[in-house]
Amino acid sequence: VVILILLTLAALSFVLCRYLYHNRGDYRTTGELAPGEDPDEEDNNKPAPEKKEYFI
């Protein structure tokens, strides 16, 4: 029973590590621009904010 638990934990840790290494990458926040984007162009192309209505 102990060996079965250890094998299960080893398999789960292997799958978890493989998943985490596969899905790592460069994540940009909303404040950062992508490489090659013009910061002035971003401000000029924003649409006018619309008024939102919330119903309770």
PDB file of N, CA and C in Angstrom:
ATOM      1  N   VAL A   1       0.836  -1.194   0.000  1.00  0.00           N
ATOM      2  CA  VAL A   1       0.000   0.000   0.000  1.00  0.00           C
ATOM      3  C   VAL A   1       0.876   1.252   0.000  1.00  0.00           C
ATOM      4  N   VAL A   2       1.953   1.236   0.778  1.00  0.00           N
ATOM      5  CA  VAL A   2       2.846   2.387   0.850  1.00  0.00           C
ATOM      6  C   VAL A   2       3.515   2.618  -0.506  1.00  0.00           C
ATOM      7  N   ILE A   3       3.914   1.532  -1.151  1.00  0.00           N
ATOM      8  CA  ILE A   3       4.561   1.658  -2.457  1.00  0.00           C
ATOM      9  C   ILE A   3       3.581   2.224  -3.484  1.00  0.00           C
ATOM     10  N   LEU A   4       2.327   1.824  -3.411  1.00  0.00           N
ATOM     11  CA  LEU A   4       1.311   2.341  -4.324  1.00  0.00           C
ATOM     12  C   LEU A   4       1.104   3.838  -4.122  1.00  0.00           C
ATOM     13  N   ILE A   5       1.098   4.287  -2.883  1.00  0.00           N
ATOM     14  CA  ILE A   5       0.954   5.718  -2.586  1.00  0.00           C
ATOM     15  C   ILE A   5       2.165   6.489  -3.097  1.00  0.00           C
ATOM     16  N   LEU A   6       3.355   5.966  -2.885  1.00  0.00           N
ATOM     17  CA  LEU A   6       4.569   6.633  -3.360  1.00  0.00           C
ATOM     18  C   LEU A   6       4.614   6.699  -4.887  1.00  0.00           C
ATOM     19  N   LEU A   7       4.208   5.628  -5.550  1.00  0.00           N
ATOM     20  CA  LEU A   7       4.174   5.647  -7.014  1.00  0.00           C
ATOM     21  C   LEU A   7       3.145   6.646  -7.531  1.00  0.00           C
ATOM     22  N   THR A   8       2.016   6.743  -6.856  1.00  0.00           N
ATOM     23  CA  THR A   8       0.996   7.711  -7.253  1.00  0.00           C
ATOM     24  C   THR A   8       1.506   9.133  -7.078  1.00  0.00           C
ATOM     25  N   LEU A   9       2.156   9.413  -5.959  1.00  0.00           N
ATOM     26  CA  LEU A   9       2.718  10.744  -5.731  1.00  0.00           C
ATOM     27  C   LEU A   9       3.807  11.066  -6.751  1.00  0.00           C
ATOM     28  N   ALA A  10       4.636  10.089  -7.081  1.00  0.00           N
ATOM     29  CA  ALA A  10       5.688  10.312  -8.069  1.00  0.00           C
ATOM     30  C   ALA A  10       5.085  10.597  -9.442  1.00  0.00           C
ATOM     31  N   ALA A  11       4.053   9.854  -9.814  1.00  0.00           N
ATOM     32  CA  ALA A  11       3.416  10.073 -11.111  1.00  0.00           C
ATOM     33  C   ALA A  11       2.743  11.439 -11.156  1.00  0.00           C
ATOM     34  N   LEU A  12       2.062  11.822 -10.090  1.00  0.00           N
ATOM     35  CA  LEU A  12       1.410  13.128 -10.051  1.00  0.00           C
ATOM     36  C   LEU A  12       2.428  14.260 -10.097  1.00  0.00           C
ATOM     37  N   SER A  13       3.531  14.107  -9.384  1.00  0.00           N
ATOM     38  CA  SER A  13       4.548  15.159  -9.411  1.00  0.00           C
ATOM     39  C   SER A  13       5.190  15.256 -10.796  1.00  0.00           C
ATOM     40  N   PHE A  14       5.378  14.127 -11.465  1.00  0.00           N
ATOM     41  CA  PHE A  14       5.924  14.144 -12.823  1.00  0.00           C
ATOM     42  C   PHE A  14       4.981  14.864 -13.779  1.00  0.00           C
ATOM     43  N   VAL A  15       3.692  14.544 -13.703  1.00  0.00           N
ATOM     44  CA  VAL A  15       2.703  15.185 -14.576  1.00  0.00           C
ATOM     45  C   VAL A  15       2.617  16.674 -14.273  1.00  0.00           C
ATOM     46  N   LEU A  16       2.643  17.041 -12.994  1.00  0.00           N
ATOM     47  CA  LEU A  16       2.570  18.450 -12.615  1.00  0.00           C
ATOM     48  C   LEU A  16       3.795  19.221 -13.113  1.00  0.00           C
ATOM     49  N   CYS A  17       4.971  18.679 -12.934  1.00  0.00           N
ATOM     50  CA  CYS A  17       6.192  19.355 -13.403  1.00  0.00           C
ATOM     51  C   CYS A  17       6.190  19.498 -14.919  1.00  0.00           C
ATOM     52  N   ARG A  18       5.763  18.451 -15.595  1.00  0.00           N
ATOM     53  CA  ARG A  18       5.721  18.516 -17.057  1.00  0.00           C
ATOM     54  C   ARG A  18       4.726  19.568 -17.527  1.00  0.00           C
ATOM     55  N   TYR A  19       3.579  19.653 -16.868  1.00  0.00           N
ATOM     56  CA  TYR A  19       2.573  20.658 -17.222  1.00  0.00           C
ATOM     57  C   TYR A  19       3.102  22.065 -16.972  1.00  0.00           C
ATOM     58  N   LEU A  20       3.742  22.277 -15.828  1.00  0.00           N
ATOM     59  CA  LEU A  20       4.240  23.608 -15.492  1.00  0.00           C
ATOM     60  C   LEU A  20       5.365  24.043 -16.429  1.00  0.00           C
ATOM     61  N   TYR A  21       6.254  23.126 -16.789  1.00  0.00           N
ATOM     62  CA  TYR A  21       7.329  23.489 -17.711  1.00  0.00           C
ATOM     63  C   TYR A  21       6.797  23.733 -19.121  1.00  0.00           C
ATOM     64  N   HIS A  22       5.749  23.027 -19.499  1.00  0.00           N
ATOM     65  CA  HIS A  22       5.181  23.212 -20.835  1.00  0.00           C
ATOM     66  C   HIS A  22       4.459  24.548 -20.951  1.00  0.00           C
ATOM     67  N   ASN A  23       3.840  25.011 -19.886  1.00  0.00           N
ATOM     68  CA  ASN A  23       3.019  26.215 -19.940  1.00  0.00           C
ATOM     69  C   ASN A  23       3.717  27.455 -19.402  1.00  0.00           C
ATOM     70  N   ARG A  24       4.997  27.386 -19.184  1.00  0.00           N
ATOM     71  CA  ARG A  24       5.680  28.603 -18.744  1.00  0.00           C
ATOM     72  C   ARG A  24       5.913  29.489 -19.954  1.00  0.00           C
ATOM     73  N   GLY A  25       6.060  30.783 -19.691  1.00  0.00           N
ATOM     74  CA  GLY A  25       6.274  31.673 -20.817  1.00  0.00           C
ATOM     75  C   GLY A  25       6.342  33.102 -20.350  1.00  0.00           C
ATOM     76  N   ASP A  26       6.390  34.007 -21.300  1.00  0.00           N
ATOM     77  CA  ASP A  26       6.438  35.433 -21.007  1.00  0.00           C
ATOM     78  C   ASP A  26       5.015  35.960 -20.933  1.00  0.00           C
ATOM     79  N   TYR A  27       4.679  36.466 -19.782  1.00  0.00           N
ATOM     80  CA  TYR A  27       3.348  37.017 -19.593  1.00  0.00           C
ATOM     81  C   TYR A  27       3.464  38.526 -19.458  1.00  0.00           C
ATOM     82  N   ARG A  28       2.655  39.250 -20.247  1.00  0.00           N
ATOM     83  CA  ARG A  28       2.648  40.703 -20.175  1.00  0.00           C
ATOM     84  C   ARG A  28       1.457  41.147 -19.354  1.00  0.00           C
ATOM     85  N   THR A  29       1.677  42.152 -18.535  1.00  0.00           N
ATOM     86  CA  THR A  29       0.559  42.740 -17.817  1.00  0.00           C
ATOM     87  C   THR A  29      -0.096  43.782 -18.707  1.00  0.00           C
ATOM     88  N   THR A  30      -1.202  44.337 -18.268  1.00  0.00           N
ATOM     89  CA  THR A  30      -1.917  45.300 -19.098  1.00  0.00           C
ATOM     90  C   THR A  30      -1.148  46.606 -19.234  1.00  0.00           C
ATOM     91  N   GLY A  31      -0.210  46.875 -18.341  1.00  0.00           N
ATOM     92  CA  GLY A  31       0.537  48.120 -18.406  1.00  0.00           C
ATOM     93  C   GLY A  31       1.692  48.092 -19.381  1.00  0.00           C
ATOM     94  N   GLU A  32       2.101  46.901 -19.784  1.00  0.00           N
ATOM     95  CA  GLU A  32       3.253  46.783 -20.671  1.00  0.00           C
ATOM     96  C   GLU A  32       2.805  46.719 -22.124  1.00  0.00           C
ATOM     97  N   LEU A  33       3.608  47.285 -23.000  1.00  0.00           N
ATOM     98  CA  LEU A  33       3.344  47.201 -24.429  1.00  0.00           C
ATOM     99  C   LEU A  33       4.110  46.028 -25.016  1.00  0.00           C
ATOM    100  N   ALA A  34       3.571  45.455 -26.052  1.00  0.00           N
ATOM    101  CA  ALA A  34       4.263  44.384 -26.758  1.00  0.00           C
ATOM    102  C   ALA A  34       5.434  44.987 -27.520  1.00  0.00           C
ATOM    103  N   PRO A  35       6.468  44.201 -27.771  1.00  0.00           N
ATOM    104  CA  PRO A  35       7.597  44.728 -28.535  1.00  0.00           C
ATOM    105  C   PRO A  35       7.143  45.192 -29.913  1.00  0.00           C
ATOM    106  N   GLY A  36       7.542  46.390 -30.292  1.00  0.00           N
ATOM    107  CA  GLY A  36       7.196  46.931 -31.594  1.00  0.00           C
ATOM    108  C   GLY A  36       5.943  47.783 -31.606  1.00  0.00           C
ATOM    109  N   GLU A  37       5.249  47.913 -30.483  1.00  0.00           N
ATOM    110  CA  GLU A  37       4.055  48.757 -30.440  1.00  0.00           C
ATOM    111  C   GLU A  37       4.437  50.192 -30.121  1.00  0.00           C
ATOM    112  N   ASP A  38       3.696  51.120 -30.682  1.00  0.00           N
ATOM    113  CA  ASP A  38       3.932  52.536 -30.464  1.00  0.00           C
ATOM    114  C   ASP A  38       3.089  53.004 -29.282  1.00  0.00           C
ATOM    115  N   PRO A  39       3.702  53.565 -28.241  1.00  0.00           N
ATOM    116  CA  PRO A  39       2.914  53.980 -27.070  1.00  0.00           C
ATOM    117  C   PRO A  39       1.945  55.117 -27.370  1.00  0.00           C
ATOM    118  N   ASP A  40       2.274  56.004 -28.314  1.00  0.00           N
ATOM    119  CA  ASP A  40       1.366  57.104 -28.653  1.00  0.00           C
ATOM    120  C   ASP A  40       0.140  56.602 -29.409  1.00  0.00           C
ATOM    121  N   GLU A  41       0.335  55.575 -30.202  1.00  0.00           N
ATOM    122  CA  GLU A  41      -0.765  55.043 -30.999  1.00  0.00           C
ATOM    123  C   GLU A  41      -1.825  54.394 -30.109  1.00  0.00           C
ATOM    124  N   GLU A  42      -1.407  53.833 -29.004  1.00  0.00           N
ATOM    125  CA  GLU A  42      -2.359  53.178 -28.100  1.00  0.00           C
ATOM    126  C   GLU A  42      -3.329  54.193 -27.502  1.00  0.00           C
ATOM    127  N   ASP A  43      -2.848  55.369 -27.144  1.00  0.00           N
ATOM    128  CA  ASP A  43      -3.706  56.377 -26.532  1.00  0.00           C
ATOM    129  C   ASP A  43      -4.668  56.994 -27.542  1.00  0.00           C
ATOM    130  N   ASN A  44      -4.254  57.114 -28.792  1.00  0.00           N
ATOM    131  CA  ASN A  44      -5.090  57.765 -29.802  1.00  0.00           C
ATOM    132  C   ASN A  44      -6.225  56.878 -30.292  1.00  0.00           C
ATOM    133  N   ASN A  45      -6.068  55.562 -30.205  1.00  0.00           N
ATOM    134  CA  ASN A  45      -7.065  54.652 -30.764  1.00  0.00           C
ATOM    135  C   ASN A  45      -8.093  54.184 -29.744  1.00  0.00           C
ATOM    136  N   LYS A  46      -8.084  54.720 -28.550  1.00  0.00           N
ATOM    137  CA  LYS A  46      -9.048  54.284 -27.545  1.00  0.00           C
ATOM    138  C   LYS A  46     -10.423  54.869 -27.856  1.00  0.00           C
ATOM    139  N   PRO A  47     -11.446  54.022 -27.860  1.00  0.00           N
ATOM    140  CA  PRO A  47     -12.791  54.564 -28.082  1.00  0.00           C
ATOM    141  C   PRO A  47     -13.270  55.306 -26.837  1.00  0.00           C
ATOM    142  N   ALA A  48     -14.216  56.202 -27.044  1.00  0.00           N
ATOM    143  CA  ALA A  48     -14.766  56.948 -25.912  1.00  0.00           C
ATOM    144  C   ALA A  48     -15.520  55.980 -25.008  1.00  0.00           C
ATOM    145  N   PRO A  49     -15.289  56.068 -23.706  1.00  0.00           N
ATOM    146  CA  PRO A  49     -15.973  55.132 -22.806  1.00  0.00           C
ATOM    147  C   PRO A  49     -17.475  55.384 -22.798  1.00  0.00           C
ATOM    148  N   GLU A  50     -18.229  54.304 -22.852  1.00  0.00           N
ATOM    149  CA  GLU A  50     -19.680  54.413 -22.829  1.00  0.00           C
ATOM    150  C   GLU A  50     -20.165  54.332 -21.391  1.00  0.00           C
ATOM    151  N   LYS A  51     -21.272  54.964 -21.147  1.00  0.00           N
ATOM    152  CA  LYS A  51     -21.848  54.945 -19.815  1.00  0.00           C
ATOM    153  C   LYS A  51     -22.497  53.577 -19.592  1.00  0.00           C
ATOM    154  N   LYS A  52     -22.173  52.949 -18.473  1.00  0.00           N
ATOM    155  CA  LYS A  52     -22.720  51.638 -18.172  1.00  0.00           C
ATOM    156  C   LYS A  52     -23.857  51.775 -17.172  1.00  0.00           C
ATOM    157  N   GLU A  53     -24.868  50.963 -17.365  1.00  0.00           N
ATOM    158  CA  GLU A  53     -25.988  50.945 -16.435  1.00  0.00           C
ATOM    159  C   GLU A  53     -26.007  49.600 -15.730  1.00  0.00           C
ATOM    160  N   TYR A  54     -26.209  49.646 -14.435  1.00  0.00           N
ATOM    161  CA  TYR A  54     -26.286  48.428 -13.649  1.00  0.00           C
ATOM    162  C   TYR A  54     -27.670  48.323 -13.032  1.00  0.00           C
ATOM    163  N   PHE A  55     -28.313  47.191 -13.216  1.00  0.00           N
ATOM    164  CA  PHE A  55     -29.636  46.966 -12.648  1.00  0.00           C
ATOM    165  C   PHE A  55     -29.506  46.024 -11.465  1.00  0.00           C
ATOM    166  N   ILE A  56     -30.148  46.393 -10.388  1.00  0.00           N
ATOM    167  CA  ILE A  56     -30.086  45.568  -9.179  1.00  0.00           C
ATOM    168  C   ILE A  56     -31.346  44.733  -9.077  1.00  0.00           C
TER     169      ILE A  56
END
